[in-house]
Structure formats: structure tokens, C-alpha cells
Protein backbone atom coordinates (compact mmCIF):
# COMPACT_ATOMS: atom_id res chain seq x y z
CA UNK A 1 -17.09 18.69 -12.80
CA UNK A 2 -18.96 17.94 -9.56
CA UNK A 3 -18.15 14.41 -8.42
CA UNK A 4 -14.79 13.84 -10.03
CA UNK A 5 -12.90 10.85 -8.64
CA UNK A 6 -9.61 12.03 -10.11
CA UNK A 7 -7.34 13.19 -7.31
CA UNK A 8 -3.67 13.94 -7.04
CA UNK A 9 -1.55 10.87 -6.40
CA UNK A 10 -0.42 10.41 -2.83
CA UNK A 11 3.34 11.05 -2.62
CA UNK A 12 5.20 7.78 -2.13
CA UNK A 13 7.13 7.76 1.14
CA UNK A 14 9.56 5.35 2.75
CA UNK A 15 7.24 4.14 5.56
CA UNK A 16 6.67 0.74 3.98
CA UNK A 17 7.35 -1.31 7.13
CA UNK A 18 5.07 0.88 9.25
CA UNK A 19 2.22 0.55 6.73
CA UNK A 20 2.70 -3.21 6.38
CA UNK A 21 2.41 -3.65 10.13
CA UNK A 22 -0.64 -1.34 10.27
CA UNK A 23 -2.24 -3.50 7.56
CA UNK A 24 -1.70 -6.57 9.72
CA UNK A 25 0.58 -8.24 7.20
CA UNK A 26 3.74 -10.22 7.84
CA UNK A 27 6.59 -9.76 5.39
CA UNK A 28 5.60 -13.08 3.84
CA UNK A 29 1.97 -11.98 3.58
CA UNK A 30 2.91 -8.67 2.00
CA UNK A 31 5.20 -10.39 -0.50
CA UNK A 32 2.38 -12.73 -1.47
CA UNK A 33 -0.19 -9.91 -1.72
CA UNK A 34 2.08 -7.92 -4.04
CA UNK A 35 3.22 -11.01 -5.99
CA UNK A 36 6.86 -10.62 -4.98
CA UNK A 37 9.46 -12.91 -3.53
CA UNK A 38 10.08 -12.50 0.19
CA UNK A 39 13.56 -11.14 -0.58
CA UNK A 40 12.17 -8.54 -3.01
CA UNK A 41 9.67 -7.35 -0.40
CA UNK A 42 12.39 -7.17 2.27
CA UNK A 43 14.46 -5.01 -0.08
CA UNK A 44 11.53 -2.62 -0.61
CA UNK A 45 11.06 -2.40 3.13
CA UNK A 46 14.71 -2.04 4.12
CA UNK A 47 15.81 0.70 1.76
CA UNK A 48 15.51 4.41 2.43
CA UNK A 49 14.83 5.04 -1.26
CA UNK A 50 11.29 6.25 -1.84
CA UNK A 51 10.91 5.00 -5.41
CA UNK A 52 11.11 1.28 -4.65
CA UNK A 53 7.31 1.06 -4.38
CA UNK A 54 5.32 2.02 -7.44
CA UNK A 55 2.52 4.55 -7.04
CA UNK A 56 -0.06 1.76 -7.26
CA UNK A 57 1.74 -0.44 -4.74
CA UNK A 58 2.03 2.42 -2.27
CA UNK A 59 -1.61 3.45 -2.58
CA UNK A 60 -2.77 -0.17 -2.16
CA UNK A 61 -0.62 -0.47 0.96
CA UNK A 62 -2.19 2.75 2.29
CA UNK A 63 -5.67 1.30 1.64
CA UNK A 64 -4.82 -1.99 3.35
CA UNK A 65 -3.46 -0.07 6.35
CA UNK A 66 -6.54 2.16 6.52
CA UNK A 67 -4.40 5.27 5.99
CA UNK A 68 -5.26 6.44 2.48
CA UNK A 69 -6.17 10.14 2.64
CA UNK A 70 -8.92 9.92 -0.01
CA UNK A 71 -10.36 6.40 -0.01
CA UNK A 72 -11.15 3.47 2.25
CA UNK A 73 -11.82 -0.19 1.69
CA UNK A 74 -15.33 -1.32 2.54
CA UNK A 75 -16.62 -4.90 2.61
CA UNK A 76 -18.94 -5.99 -0.17
CA UNK A 77 -22.52 -6.79 0.72
CA UNK A 78 -23.00 -10.55 0.86
CA UNK A 79 -26.02 -11.54 -1.18
């Protein structure tokens, strides 16, 4: 299959704070973006456990930070 968009998932790591900062988000902004309470986001950021972010949450954070290894966000054309 030539142009397959299916790729291996990016392994979730515990660099949540670093990625949030790279994405230009405050803790409050990240909590709002991911539909979490501020306390829930702070817990995800403070723990050394890798599994506190889901695969989808981690990959979205990578995209927002411009660090996803396979994809990048591009602005839509304004019509």
C-alpha cells in the first residue's frame, strides 16, 4: 500500500510539562484544551508515571508543541 497513513503510535513519555511549555500553553490553558480540571492536569504533569496521558492526548500535545515525528499542524486556508 503506497500512501498509507497508518503509522506506529508514538510511545508515550513523561515529558508532559516540557511539551506543554513548547506548545505555549499555561497549565490552565492545557487543562482547558484537554477538558480537564486544573488539578487533574497538574497531576498528569507532576507524576513520573508514563500512562497518565492517553495515546491520543500525548500525540495531540506533540502536535501542539510542533514535535510530532510524523505529522504537523498546518493552518487552514481562509476562503
